[in-house]
C-alpha cells in the first residue's frame, strides 16, 4: 500500500508545519535524503505538549507527545513534498526526552514516533536506526524533541 494511502486510512489529523524559531531550516534535501530538524510535539491547534516526564507527566503521556512530534514531522514532509509517496524509507530517528534524572524509559517514549512511522510507512520502510536519550530540558519545556532522516525515491 502506498504511504499516502496508508496515512489517509489512519485518519490522523496533522498539526500545522512549524516555522523556524531560529537560524535553521526545518527541512533540507541533500541528494536523495531529507533531513528534518528537531520537531516539537505540536497539537492540531498549534499549542505544544509540555512537561517533564517523571515529574509533570507520566511516560504514557510522553509516548503520546512523541507520536505528536512524529505527526509534526509528517506535516513538514507533506508541506514540502506534497505527498508521502515520495518517501522511500525512514533512515534515522533521534529522540530527546525531557525527563527527570532517574527516568530510564526513553526508548519506550520515543516508540510513540517510531510506531507512527511503522503505521504510515510499513515495517520494512518505517523502521530505521534510532537513538533515544534523556535531557535536562527542552525548548519551551516540551516533553520531547525528535529529528529524522528519510530517503526519497
Protein backbone atom coordinates (compact mmCIF):
# COMPACT_ATOMS: atom_id res chain seq x y z
CA UNK A 1 0.00 0.00 0.00
CA UNK A 2 1.28 3.45 -0.87
CA UNK A 3 2.42 5.58 2.07
CA UNK A 4 -0.06 8.39 1.35
CA UNK A 5 -2.98 5.95 1.16
CA UNK A 6 -1.87 4.26 4.39
CA UNK A 7 -1.68 7.67 6.09
CA UNK A 8 -5.16 8.61 4.82
CA UNK A 9 -6.61 5.31 6.10
CA UNK A 10 -5.21 6.06 9.57
CA UNK A 11 -7.42 9.19 9.60
CA UNK A 12 -4.88 11.22 11.59
CA UNK A 13 -5.08 14.98 11.85
CA UNK A 14 -1.86 16.85 11.20
CA UNK A 15 -0.72 19.83 13.23
CA UNK A 16 0.50 22.90 11.36
CA UNK A 17 4.01 22.60 9.94
CA UNK A 18 6.24 24.64 12.27
CA UNK A 19 8.10 27.75 11.23
CA UNK A 20 11.78 28.03 12.30
CA UNK A 21 12.31 29.71 15.67
CA UNK A 22 16.00 30.34 14.99
CA UNK A 23 18.63 30.26 12.29
CA UNK A 24 17.93 26.88 10.67
CA UNK A 25 15.62 25.19 8.20
CA UNK A 26 13.15 22.52 9.34
CA UNK A 27 13.57 20.57 6.05
CA UNK A 28 16.65 20.08 3.90
CA UNK A 29 17.01 17.89 0.80
CA UNK A 30 20.52 16.66 0.05
CA UNK A 31 20.67 14.26 -2.89
CA UNK A 32 18.02 11.63 -2.22
CA UNK A 33 17.95 12.29 1.55
CA UNK A 34 15.63 14.52 3.55
CA UNK A 35 16.92 15.86 6.86
CA UNK A 36 14.21 17.07 9.22
CA UNK A 37 15.32 19.32 12.09
CA UNK A 38 14.23 18.67 15.65
CA UNK A 39 10.44 18.88 15.83
CA UNK A 40 8.41 19.55 18.94
CA UNK A 41 5.07 17.93 19.84
CA UNK A 42 2.61 20.39 18.30
CA UNK A 43 -1.12 19.83 18.73
CA UNK A 44 -3.54 20.47 15.86
CA UNK A 45 -4.43 23.85 17.41
CA UNK A 46 -0.75 24.88 17.34
CA UNK A 47 -0.21 24.51 21.10
CA UNK A 48 2.71 22.48 22.46
CA UNK A 49 2.71 19.40 24.67
CA UNK A 50 4.75 20.42 27.68
CA UNK A 51 6.07 18.82 30.84
CA UNK A 52 9.00 16.90 32.22
CA UNK A 53 8.40 13.14 32.16
CA UNK A 54 8.60 11.61 35.61
CA UNK A 55 7.67 14.93 37.22
CA UNK A 56 4.87 16.72 35.34
CA UNK A 57 3.58 13.89 33.12
CA UNK A 58 3.93 10.11 33.00
CA UNK A 59 5.64 8.04 30.33
CA UNK A 60 2.33 7.22 28.56
CA UNK A 61 1.69 10.94 28.08
CA UNK A 62 5.32 11.24 26.94
CA UNK A 63 4.77 8.49 24.37
CA UNK A 64 1.73 10.38 23.04
CA UNK A 65 3.88 13.53 22.86
CA UNK A 66 6.42 11.59 20.77
CA UNK A 67 3.64 10.48 18.43
CA UNK A 68 2.55 14.11 18.11
CA UNK A 69 6.13 15.17 17.34
CA UNK A 70 6.12 12.47 14.65
CA UNK A 71 2.90 13.91 13.22
CA UNK A 72 4.56 17.33 13.21
CA UNK A 73 7.42 15.84 11.18
CA UNK A 74 4.87 14.33 8.78
CA UNK A 75 3.26 17.77 8.44
CA UNK A 76 6.65 19.23 7.45
CA UNK A 77 7.20 16.41 4.95
CA UNK A 78 3.75 16.92 3.41
CA UNK A 79 4.12 20.69 3.17
CA UNK A 80 7.48 20.34 1.42
CA UNK A 81 6.96 17.21 -0.68
CA UNK A 82 3.21 17.30 -1.36
CA UNK A 83 2.87 13.54 -0.82
CA UNK A 84 4.31 10.89 1.46
CA UNK A 85 4.65 8.64 -1.59
CA UNK A 86 7.93 10.40 -2.38
CA UNK A 87 9.43 8.86 0.79
CA UNK A 88 11.19 5.55 0.20
CA UNK A 89 12.05 4.79 3.82
CA UNK A 90 12.91 6.08 7.27
CA UNK A 91 16.70 6.15 7.72
CA UNK A 92 17.13 7.52 11.26
CA UNK A 93 15.14 8.89 14.17
CA UNK A 94 16.79 10.76 17.02
CA UNK A 95 14.59 11.40 20.04
CA UNK A 96 15.32 13.62 23.04
CA UNK A 97 13.17 13.13 26.13
CA UNK A 98 12.74 15.89 28.71
CA UNK A 99 12.79 13.73 31.84
CA UNK A 100 13.88 13.52 35.44
CA UNK A 101 17.40 12.21 36.05
CA UNK A 102 16.08 8.87 37.34
CA UNK A 103 13.81 8.22 34.31
CA UNK A 104 15.13 5.27 32.25
CA UNK A 105 12.44 4.53 29.65
CA UNK A 106 13.46 6.96 26.90
CA UNK A 107 13.21 4.28 24.16
CA UNK A 108 9.64 3.49 25.25
CA UNK A 109 8.67 7.17 24.97
CA UNK A 110 10.22 7.59 21.51
CA UNK A 111 8.35 4.46 20.37
CA UNK A 112 5.37 6.82 20.04
CA UNK A 113 7.04 8.32 16.97
CA UNK A 114 8.59 5.07 15.72
CA UNK A 115 5.26 3.20 15.89
CA UNK A 116 3.60 6.04 13.96
CA UNK A 117 6.22 5.77 11.22
CA UNK A 118 5.66 1.99 11.01
CA UNK A 119 1.90 2.60 10.71
CA UNK A 120 2.48 5.06 7.86
CA UNK A 121 5.48 3.58 6.02
CA UNK A 122 5.13 -0.13 6.92
CA UNK A 123 7.53 -2.37 8.85
CA UNK A 124 10.13 -2.63 6.11
CA UNK A 125 10.29 1.08 5.25
CA UNK A 126 9.19 2.61 8.55
CA UNK A 127 11.94 1.29 10.82
CA UNK A 128 15.35 2.89 10.62
CA UNK A 129 18.21 3.26 13.05
CA UNK A 130 17.35 5.22 16.18
CA UNK A 131 18.72 6.95 19.24
CA UNK A 132 16.70 7.94 22.29
CA UNK A 133 18.14 9.77 25.26
CA UNK A 134 17.11 11.91 28.19
CA UNK A 135 17.89 15.59 28.55
CA UNK A 136 17.53 18.02 31.44
CA UNK A 137 15.36 20.46 29.49
CA UNK A 138 13.99 21.19 26.02
CA UNK A 139 12.73 24.39 24.37
CA UNK A 140 9.55 25.76 25.96
CA UNK A 141 9.58 22.80 28.41
CA UNK A 142 8.21 20.41 25.77
CA UNK A 143 8.26 16.71 26.62
CA UNK A 144 10.15 15.51 23.54
CA UNK A 145 12.03 16.77 20.50
CA UNK A 146 12.57 14.47 17.52
CA UNK A 147 14.59 14.78 14.33
CA UNK A 148 14.72 12.33 11.43
CA UNK A 149 16.33 11.43 8.13
CA UNK A 150 14.35 9.95 5.23
CA UNK A 151 15.35 8.51 1.85
CA UNK A 152 13.46 9.62 -1.25
CA UNK A 153 12.56 7.52 -4.27
